[in-house]
Amino acid sequence: MSLISQIIVTADNELRYPTIGELQAIQEYLNTGEKRIQTISTLRDNEKEIIQKASKAIFQIHPEYIAPGGNAQGARKRSLCLRDYGWYLRLVTYGVLAGDKDAVEKIGVIGVREMYNSLGVPILGMIDAIQCLKQATLELLPDEDGRVIASYFDFIIRGMS
């Protein structure tokens, strides 16, 4: 749910108008819209580069994943891992666009531990993978944009922990 939707739903549930603080939050959200779209566009346009750097980093940290018997052994299993990287990167962009971590939580955090455990994917490895994805993403962005993006990756990491 976007920041604006959250404010409207909260105010309506409490049978009141939005507060000055809530209206200021909406104004800030609208004022940063162009910047958020530019940041998301950068991530979208550089998705392959980000995923390539992140995958290289995770397989250096955990070479056992691509070794015989590893979770990412062979082209098929490795492509599934990289697909997840793209999915998490998109998930971060959805959160930035909405200005809220609610979508990130509902789509990418709730139940994620159970899913990876049922697939036999080490959760600590996924946490490392998201950290590598975060680092590869931050290398492309100015510090100010990076701080915003980093908070969404950190939210996912905390949700997996």
N, C-alpha and C. Protein backbone atom coordinates (compact mmCIF):
# COMPACT_ATOMS: atom_id res chain seq x y z
N MET A 1 0.86 -1.17 0.00
CA MET A 1 0.00 0.00 0.00
C MET A 1 0.91 1.23 0.00
N SER A 2 0.58 2.20 -0.79
CA SER A 2 1.41 3.41 -0.86
C SER A 2 1.22 4.26 0.40
N LEU A 3 2.15 5.17 0.57
CA LEU A 3 2.09 6.08 1.71
C LEU A 3 0.76 6.82 1.72
N ILE A 4 0.34 7.29 0.57
CA ILE A 4 -0.91 8.05 0.48
C ILE A 4 -2.09 7.17 0.87
N SER A 5 -2.13 5.95 0.36
CA SER A 5 -3.22 5.03 0.70
C SER A 5 -3.25 4.73 2.19
N GLN A 6 -2.07 4.54 2.77
CA GLN A 6 -2.00 4.26 4.21
C GLN A 6 -2.57 5.41 5.03
N ILE A 7 -2.20 6.61 4.65
CA ILE A 7 -2.68 7.78 5.39
C ILE A 7 -4.19 7.90 5.28
N ILE A 8 -4.73 7.69 4.09
CA ILE A 8 -6.18 7.79 3.88
C ILE A 8 -6.90 6.71 4.69
N VAL A 9 -6.42 5.48 4.62
CA VAL A 9 -7.07 4.38 5.35
C VAL A 9 -7.02 4.63 6.85
N THR A 10 -5.87 5.06 7.36
CA THR A 10 -5.73 5.33 8.78
C THR A 10 -6.68 6.44 9.22
N ALA A 11 -6.69 7.53 8.48
CA ALA A 11 -7.57 8.66 8.83
C ALA A 11 -9.04 8.22 8.78
N ASP A 12 -9.40 7.47 7.76
CA ASP A 12 -10.79 7.03 7.63
C ASP A 12 -11.17 6.08 8.76
N ASN A 13 -10.28 5.17 9.12
CA ASN A 13 -10.56 4.24 10.22
C ASN A 13 -10.76 4.98 11.54
N GLU A 14 -10.08 6.12 11.67
CA GLU A 14 -10.18 6.91 12.89
C GLU A 14 -11.21 8.04 12.76
N LEU A 15 -11.93 8.06 11.65
CA LEU A 15 -12.99 9.05 11.38
C LEU A 15 -12.49 10.48 11.55
N ARG A 16 -11.36 10.78 10.88
CA ARG A 16 -10.76 12.11 11.00
C ARG A 16 -10.14 12.51 9.67
N TYR A 17 -9.78 13.76 9.59
CA TYR A 17 -9.03 14.25 8.43
C TYR A 17 -7.55 13.93 8.66
N PRO A 18 -6.77 13.86 7.58
CA PRO A 18 -5.32 13.67 7.77
C PRO A 18 -4.73 14.82 8.59
N THR A 19 -3.78 14.48 9.44
CA THR A 19 -3.12 15.47 10.29
C THR A 19 -2.15 16.30 9.45
N ILE A 20 -1.69 17.39 10.05
CA ILE A 20 -0.68 18.23 9.39
C ILE A 20 0.57 17.40 9.08
N GLY A 21 0.99 16.57 10.03
CA GLY A 21 2.16 15.72 9.82
C GLY A 21 1.95 14.75 8.66
N GLU A 22 0.77 14.17 8.58
CA GLU A 22 0.47 13.24 7.48
C GLU A 22 0.45 13.97 6.13
N LEU A 23 -0.11 15.16 6.12
CA LEU A 23 -0.12 15.95 4.89
C LEU A 23 1.29 16.35 4.47
N GLN A 24 2.13 16.65 5.45
CA GLN A 24 3.53 16.97 5.14
C GLN A 24 4.25 15.74 4.59
N ALA A 25 3.93 14.57 5.11
CA ALA A 25 4.53 13.33 4.60
C ALA A 25 4.11 13.09 3.15
N ILE A 26 2.86 13.38 2.83
CA ILE A 26 2.38 13.25 1.45
C ILE A 26 3.11 14.26 0.56
N GLN A 27 3.26 15.49 1.03
CA GLN A 27 3.95 16.50 0.25
C GLN A 27 5.39 16.08 -0.03
N GLU A 28 6.08 15.55 0.98
CA GLU A 28 7.45 15.08 0.80
C GLU A 28 7.50 13.93 -0.21
N TYR A 29 6.54 13.02 -0.09
CA TYR A 29 6.44 11.90 -1.03
C TYR A 29 6.29 12.40 -2.46
N LEU A 30 5.41 13.36 -2.66
CA LEU A 30 5.19 13.91 -4.00
C LEU A 30 6.42 14.68 -4.49
N ASN A 31 7.06 15.41 -3.59
CA ASN A 31 8.25 16.18 -3.97
C ASN A 31 9.42 15.30 -4.36
N THR A 32 9.47 14.08 -3.84
CA THR A 32 10.58 13.19 -4.15
C THR A 32 10.24 12.19 -5.26
N GLY A 33 9.07 12.33 -5.82
CA GLY A 33 8.62 11.38 -6.85
C GLY A 33 9.56 11.26 -8.03
N GLU A 34 9.98 12.38 -8.57
CA GLU A 34 10.86 12.35 -9.74
C GLU A 34 12.19 11.67 -9.40
N LYS A 35 12.72 11.97 -8.23
CA LYS A 35 13.99 11.37 -7.81
C LYS A 35 13.84 9.86 -7.62
N ARG A 36 12.72 9.43 -7.03
CA ARG A 36 12.49 8.01 -6.84
C ARG A 36 12.39 7.30 -8.19
N ILE A 37 11.73 7.91 -9.14
CA ILE A 37 11.59 7.32 -10.47
C ILE A 37 12.95 7.25 -11.17
N GLN A 38 13.78 8.27 -11.03
CA GLN A 38 15.12 8.23 -11.61
C GLN A 38 15.94 7.09 -11.00
N THR A 39 15.85 6.93 -9.71
CA THR A 39 16.60 5.87 -9.02
C THR A 39 16.13 4.50 -9.49
N ILE A 40 14.83 4.31 -9.55
CA ILE A 40 14.27 3.04 -10.01
C ILE A 40 14.69 2.76 -11.45
N SER A 41 14.69 3.79 -12.28
CA SER A 41 15.10 3.63 -13.68
C SER A 41 16.55 3.19 -13.77
N THR A 42 17.40 3.75 -12.91
CA THR A 42 18.80 3.34 -12.88
C THR A 42 18.92 1.86 -12.54
N LEU A 43 18.17 1.41 -11.56
CA LEU A 43 18.21 0.00 -11.19
C LEU A 43 17.69 -0.88 -12.32
N ARG A 44 16.58 -0.48 -12.91
CA ARG A 44 16.01 -1.26 -14.01
C ARG A 44 16.99 -1.36 -15.18
N ASP A 45 17.57 -0.23 -15.54
CA ASP A 45 18.47 -0.19 -16.69
C ASP A 45 19.79 -0.93 -16.45
N ASN A 46 20.15 -1.15 -15.20
CA ASN A 46 21.41 -1.80 -14.86
C ASN A 46 21.21 -3.15 -14.17
N GLU A 47 20.02 -3.71 -14.31
CA GLU A 47 19.69 -4.96 -13.62
C GLU A 47 20.71 -6.06 -13.91
N LYS A 48 21.04 -6.28 -15.16
CA LYS A 48 21.97 -7.37 -15.50
C LYS A 48 23.33 -7.15 -14.86
N GLU A 49 23.83 -5.92 -14.89
CA GLU A 49 25.13 -5.61 -14.29
C GLU A 49 25.10 -5.83 -12.78
N ILE A 50 24.02 -5.38 -12.14
CA ILE A 50 23.88 -5.54 -10.68
C ILE A 50 23.86 -7.03 -10.32
N ILE A 51 23.07 -7.79 -11.04
CA ILE A 51 22.94 -9.22 -10.75
C ILE A 51 24.26 -9.94 -11.01
N GLN A 52 24.94 -9.57 -12.08
CA GLN A 52 26.23 -10.19 -12.40
C GLN A 52 27.25 -9.94 -11.28
N LYS A 53 27.34 -8.69 -10.80
CA LYS A 53 28.27 -8.38 -9.72
C LYS A 53 27.89 -9.10 -8.43
N ALA A 54 26.61 -9.10 -8.12
CA ALA A 54 26.14 -9.75 -6.89
C ALA A 54 26.38 -11.25 -6.93
N SER A 55 26.13 -11.87 -8.08
CA SER A 55 26.32 -13.32 -8.15
C SER A 55 27.80 -13.68 -8.07
N LYS A 56 28.64 -12.88 -8.68
CA LYS A 56 30.08 -13.13 -8.58
C LYS A 56 30.52 -13.04 -7.11
N ALA A 57 29.99 -12.05 -6.40
CA ALA A 57 30.35 -11.86 -5.00
C ALA A 57 29.87 -13.01 -4.12
N ILE A 58 28.61 -13.45 -4.31
CA ILE A 58 28.09 -14.51 -3.44
C ILE A 58 28.82 -15.83 -3.69
N PHE A 59 29.20 -16.09 -4.94
CA PHE A 59 29.88 -17.34 -5.23
C PHE A 59 31.34 -17.30 -4.80
N GLN A 60 31.87 -16.12 -4.56
CA GLN A 60 33.20 -16.02 -3.96
C GLN A 60 33.11 -16.27 -2.45
N ILE A 61 32.04 -15.78 -1.84
CA ILE A 61 31.82 -16.00 -0.41
C ILE A 61 31.48 -17.47 -0.15
N HIS A 62 30.64 -18.04 -1.00
CA HIS A 62 30.15 -19.42 -0.84
C HIS A 62 30.42 -20.23 -2.11
N PRO A 63 31.67 -20.57 -2.38
CA PRO A 63 31.96 -21.36 -3.58
C PRO A 63 31.30 -22.74 -3.55
N GLU A 64 30.95 -23.20 -2.37
CA GLU A 64 30.29 -24.51 -2.26
C GLU A 64 28.93 -24.54 -2.95
N TYR A 65 28.33 -23.38 -3.17
CA TYR A 65 27.02 -23.34 -3.83
C TYR A 65 27.11 -23.76 -5.30
N ILE A 66 28.25 -23.47 -5.94
CA ILE A 66 28.39 -23.84 -7.36
C ILE A 66 29.23 -25.10 -7.54
N ALA A 67 29.72 -25.65 -6.44
CA ALA A 67 30.48 -26.91 -6.48
C ALA A 67 29.51 -28.07 -6.70
N PRO A 68 30.01 -29.22 -7.12
CA PRO A 68 29.13 -30.39 -7.28
C PRO A 68 28.30 -30.64 -6.01
N GLY A 69 26.99 -30.76 -6.20
CA GLY A 69 26.07 -30.98 -5.09
C GLY A 69 25.57 -29.69 -4.45
N GLY A 70 26.09 -28.55 -4.88
CA GLY A 70 25.66 -27.27 -4.31
C GLY A 70 24.31 -26.81 -4.83
N ASN A 71 23.71 -25.87 -4.12
CA ASN A 71 22.39 -25.36 -4.49
C ASN A 71 22.36 -24.66 -5.84
N ALA A 72 23.51 -24.16 -6.29
CA ALA A 72 23.56 -23.44 -7.57
C ALA A 72 24.46 -24.17 -8.58
N GLN A 73 24.61 -25.47 -8.39
CA GLN A 73 25.43 -26.26 -9.31
C GLN A 73 24.73 -26.36 -10.66
N GLY A 74 25.47 -26.12 -11.71
CA GLY A 74 24.93 -26.23 -13.07
C GLY A 74 24.18 -25.00 -13.50
N ALA A 75 24.02 -24.89 -14.80
CA ALA A 75 23.40 -23.70 -15.40
C ALA A 75 21.95 -23.52 -14.97
N ARG A 76 21.19 -24.60 -14.88
CA ARG A 76 19.77 -24.47 -14.53
C ARG A 76 19.58 -23.94 -13.12
N LYS A 77 20.26 -24.55 -12.15
CA LYS A 77 20.13 -24.11 -10.75
C LYS A 77 20.68 -22.70 -10.58
N ARG A 78 21.77 -22.40 -11.26
CA ARG A 78 22.35 -21.07 -11.16
C ARG A 78 21.39 -20.02 -11.72
N SER A 79 20.72 -20.34 -12.82
CA SER A 79 19.77 -19.39 -13.39
C SER A 79 18.59 -19.14 -12.46
N LEU A 80 18.20 -20.15 -11.69
CA LEU A 80 17.13 -19.96 -10.70
C LEU A 80 17.56 -19.00 -9.61
N CYS A 81 18.82 -19.11 -9.19
CA CYS A 81 19.35 -18.18 -8.18
C CYS A 81 19.34 -16.74 -8.73
N LEU A 82 19.79 -16.60 -9.95
CA LEU A 82 19.85 -15.27 -10.56
C LEU A 82 18.45 -14.71 -10.78
N ARG A 83 17.50 -15.57 -11.05
CA ARG A 83 16.10 -15.13 -11.19
C ARG A 83 15.63 -14.51 -9.87
N ASP A 84 15.99 -15.15 -8.75
CA ASP A 84 15.62 -14.61 -7.45
C ASP A 84 16.27 -13.25 -7.21
N TYR A 85 17.51 -13.08 -7.66
CA TYR A 85 18.17 -11.78 -7.53
C TYR A 85 17.35 -10.69 -8.23
N GLY A 86 16.92 -10.97 -9.45
CA GLY A 86 16.12 -10.01 -10.20
C GLY A 86 14.81 -9.72 -9.49
N TRP A 87 14.23 -10.76 -8.91
CA TRP A 87 12.97 -10.59 -8.20
C TRP A 87 13.15 -9.68 -6.98
N TYR A 88 14.22 -9.89 -6.21
CA TYR A 88 14.45 -9.05 -5.05
C TYR A 88 14.77 -7.61 -5.45
N LEU A 89 15.50 -7.44 -6.53
CA LEU A 89 15.80 -6.09 -7.00
C LEU A 89 14.51 -5.37 -7.41
N ARG A 90 13.63 -6.07 -8.11
CA ARG A 90 12.33 -5.48 -8.47
C ARG A 90 11.53 -5.15 -7.22
N LEU A 91 11.56 -6.05 -6.26
CA LEU A 91 10.82 -5.84 -5.02
C LEU A 91 11.27 -4.55 -4.33
N VAL A 92 12.56 -4.31 -4.32
CA VAL A 92 13.08 -3.07 -3.73
C VAL A 92 12.54 -1.87 -4.50
N THR A 93 12.49 -1.96 -5.82
CA THR A 93 11.99 -0.82 -6.60
C THR A 93 10.51 -0.58 -6.32
N TYR A 94 9.74 -1.64 -6.08
CA TYR A 94 8.33 -1.47 -5.75
C TYR A 94 8.19 -0.68 -4.44
N GLY A 95 9.02 -1.02 -3.47
CA GLY A 95 8.97 -0.31 -2.19
C GLY A 95 9.35 1.15 -2.35
N VAL A 96 10.39 1.42 -3.11
CA VAL A 96 10.82 2.81 -3.34
C VAL A 96 9.71 3.58 -4.04
N LEU A 97 9.10 2.97 -5.04
CA LEU A 97 8.03 3.63 -5.77
C LEU A 97 6.85 3.96 -4.86
N ALA A 98 6.48 3.00 -4.01
CA ALA A 98 5.35 3.21 -3.10
C ALA A 98 5.73 4.14 -1.95
N GLY A 99 7.04 4.27 -1.68
CA GLY A 99 7.46 5.07 -0.53
C GLY A 99 7.15 4.36 0.77
N ASP A 100 7.14 3.02 0.73
CA ASP A 100 6.69 2.25 1.88
C ASP A 100 7.25 0.84 1.81
N LYS A 101 7.48 0.24 2.95
CA LYS A 101 8.02 -1.11 3.00
C LYS A 101 6.93 -2.18 3.09
N ASP A 102 5.68 -1.77 3.10
CA ASP A 102 4.57 -2.71 3.24
C ASP A 102 4.56 -3.75 2.12
N ALA A 103 4.72 -3.31 0.87
CA ALA A 103 4.74 -4.25 -0.26
C ALA A 103 5.93 -5.19 -0.15
N VAL A 104 7.05 -4.66 0.27
CA VAL A 104 8.25 -5.48 0.44
C VAL A 104 7.98 -6.57 1.47
N GLU A 105 7.33 -6.20 2.55
CA GLU A 105 7.04 -7.18 3.60
C GLU A 105 6.06 -8.23 3.11
N LYS A 106 4.96 -7.80 2.50
CA LYS A 106 3.92 -8.75 2.08
C LYS A 106 4.41 -9.68 0.98
N ILE A 107 5.15 -9.14 0.02
CA ILE A 107 5.57 -9.94 -1.13
C ILE A 107 6.86 -10.70 -0.86
N GLY A 108 7.80 -10.10 -0.14
CA GLY A 108 9.12 -10.69 -0.07
C GLY A 108 9.64 -11.11 1.28
N VAL A 109 8.91 -10.85 2.34
CA VAL A 109 9.45 -11.19 3.66
C VAL A 109 8.59 -12.22 4.37
N ILE A 110 7.29 -12.03 4.34
CA ILE A 110 6.40 -12.95 5.04
C ILE A 110 6.49 -14.33 4.39
N GLY A 111 6.88 -15.30 5.15
CA GLY A 111 6.96 -16.67 4.67
C GLY A 111 8.23 -17.04 3.92
N VAL A 112 9.15 -16.08 3.77
CA VAL A 112 10.34 -16.36 2.98
C VAL A 112 11.24 -17.41 3.62
N ARG A 113 11.37 -17.37 4.92
CA ARG A 113 12.21 -18.37 5.61
C ARG A 113 11.65 -19.78 5.37
N GLU A 114 10.34 -19.91 5.51
CA GLU A 114 9.71 -21.21 5.33
C GLU A 114 9.88 -21.70 3.90
N MET A 115 9.73 -20.79 2.94
CA MET A 115 9.87 -21.17 1.54
C MET A 115 11.27 -21.68 1.25
N TYR A 116 12.29 -20.91 1.65
CA TYR A 116 13.66 -21.33 1.36
C TYR A 116 14.04 -22.59 2.13
N ASN A 117 13.56 -22.72 3.37
CA ASN A 117 13.82 -23.95 4.13
C ASN A 117 13.20 -25.16 3.43
N SER A 118 11.97 -25.00 2.92
CA SER A 118 11.32 -26.12 2.24
C SER A 118 12.03 -26.49 0.94
N LEU A 119 12.71 -25.54 0.33
CA LEU A 119 13.45 -25.80 -0.91
C LEU A 119 14.88 -26.27 -0.64
N GLY A 120 15.26 -26.29 0.62
CA GLY A 120 16.62 -26.70 0.98
C GLY A 120 17.66 -25.64 0.69
N VAL A 121 17.23 -24.39 0.64
CA VAL A 121 18.15 -23.27 0.39
C VAL A 121 18.57 -22.70 1.74
N PRO A 122 19.87 -22.63 2.00
CA PRO A 122 20.32 -22.10 3.29
C PRO A 122 19.93 -20.63 3.46
N ILE A 123 19.20 -20.32 4.50
CA ILE A 123 18.73 -18.95 4.72
C ILE A 123 19.89 -18.00 4.95
N LEU A 124 20.94 -18.46 5.61
CA LEU A 124 22.11 -17.60 5.81
C LEU A 124 22.76 -17.25 4.47
N GLY A 125 22.74 -18.18 3.55
CA GLY A 125 23.25 -17.90 2.21
C GLY A 125 22.39 -16.88 1.48
N MET A 126 21.08 -16.95 1.68
CA MET A 126 20.19 -15.96 1.06
C MET A 126 20.42 -14.58 1.65
N ILE A 127 20.66 -14.54 2.95
CA ILE A 127 20.96 -13.25 3.58
C ILE A 127 22.25 -12.69 2.99
N ASP A 128 23.27 -13.52 2.84
CA ASP A 128 24.51 -13.08 2.21
C ASP A 128 24.25 -12.63 0.77
N ALA A 129 23.40 -13.36 0.07
CA ALA A 129 23.08 -13.01 -1.32
C ALA A 129 22.41 -11.64 -1.41
N ILE A 130 21.48 -11.37 -0.51
CA ILE A 130 20.80 -10.06 -0.52
C ILE A 130 21.81 -8.96 -0.16
N GLN A 131 22.72 -9.25 0.75
CA GLN A 131 23.77 -8.29 1.09
C GLN A 131 24.64 -7.99 -0.14
N CYS A 132 24.98 -9.03 -0.90
CA CYS A 132 25.77 -8.83 -2.13
C CYS A 132 24.98 -8.03 -3.16
N LEU A 133 23.70 -8.31 -3.27
CA LEU A 133 22.83 -7.57 -4.19
C LEU A 133 22.76 -6.10 -3.79
N LYS A 134 22.64 -5.87 -2.50
CA LYS A 134 22.62 -4.50 -1.97
C LYS A 134 23.91 -3.78 -2.33
N GLN A 135 25.05 -4.42 -2.07
CA GLN A 135 26.34 -3.79 -2.34
C GLN A 135 26.52 -3.47 -3.83
N ALA A 136 26.14 -4.41 -4.68
CA ALA A 136 26.26 -4.19 -6.13
C ALA A 136 25.36 -3.04 -6.57
N THR A 137 24.20 -2.91 -5.95
CA THR A 137 23.28 -1.82 -6.28
C THR A 137 23.83 -0.48 -5.82
N LEU A 138 24.36 -0.44 -4.60
CA LEU A 138 24.86 0.81 -4.04
C LEU A 138 26.05 1.36 -4.84
N GLU A 139 26.80 0.49 -5.47
CA GLU A 139 27.94 0.94 -6.26
C GLU A 139 27.53 1.79 -7.46
N LEU A 140 26.26 1.69 -7.87
CA LEU A 140 25.77 2.45 -9.02
C LEU A 140 25.11 3.77 -8.66
N LEU A 141 24.85 3.97 -7.38
CA LEU A 141 24.03 5.12 -6.97
C LEU A 141 24.82 6.13 -6.15
N PRO A 142 24.43 7.40 -6.27
CA PRO A 142 25.01 8.40 -5.36
C PRO A 142 24.62 8.07 -3.92
N ASP A 143 25.40 8.56 -2.98
CA ASP A 143 25.19 8.24 -1.56
C ASP A 143 23.76 8.49 -1.09
N GLU A 144 23.19 9.63 -1.45
CA GLU A 144 21.84 9.97 -0.99
C GLU A 144 20.83 8.93 -1.46
N ASP A 145 20.88 8.55 -2.73
CA ASP A 145 19.97 7.54 -3.26
C ASP A 145 20.27 6.19 -2.64
N GLY A 146 21.54 5.93 -2.42
CA GLY A 146 21.95 4.66 -1.84
C GLY A 146 21.39 4.45 -0.44
N ARG A 147 21.33 5.50 0.35
CA ARG A 147 20.79 5.38 1.71
C ARG A 147 19.32 4.95 1.66
N VAL A 148 18.58 5.52 0.73
CA VAL A 148 17.16 5.16 0.61
C VAL A 148 17.04 3.70 0.18
N ILE A 149 17.76 3.32 -0.85
CA ILE A 149 17.71 1.95 -1.36
C ILE A 149 18.18 0.96 -0.30
N ALA A 150 19.26 1.30 0.39
CA ALA A 150 19.83 0.40 1.40
C ALA A 150 18.81 0.03 2.46
N SER A 151 17.96 0.97 2.83
CA SER A 151 16.98 0.69 3.88
C SER A 151 16.01 -0.42 3.47
N TYR A 152 15.70 -0.51 2.18
CA TYR A 152 14.80 -1.57 1.71
C TYR A 152 15.51 -2.93 1.71
N PHE A 153 16.76 -2.96 1.29
CA PHE A 153 17.52 -4.20 1.35
C PHE A 153 17.69 -4.64 2.81
N ASP A 154 17.98 -3.69 3.69
CA ASP A 154 18.14 -4.01 5.11
C ASP A 154 16.85 -4.56 5.70
N PHE A 155 15.73 -4.04 5.25
CA PHE A 155 14.43 -4.53 5.71
C PHE A 155 14.25 -6.00 5.32
N ILE A 156 14.62 -6.34 4.09
CA ILE A 156 14.53 -7.73 3.63
C ILE A 156 15.47 -8.61 4.45
N ILE A 157 16.68 -8.15 4.65
CA ILE A 157 17.68 -8.92 5.41
C ILE A 157 17.17 -9.17 6.84
N ARG A 158 16.64 -8.14 7.48
CA ARG A 158 16.09 -8.33 8.83
C ARG A 158 14.93 -9.31 8.82
N GLY A 159 14.11 -9.25 7.79
CA GLY A 159 12.97 -10.17 7.68
C GLY A 159 13.39 -11.61 7.49
N MET A 160 14.54 -11.82 6.86
CA MET A 160 15.05 -13.18 6.67
C MET A 160 15.78 -13.70 7.90
N SER A 161 16.26 -12.80 8.73
CA SER A 161 17.09 -13.18 9.88
C SER A 161 16.28 -13.81 10.99
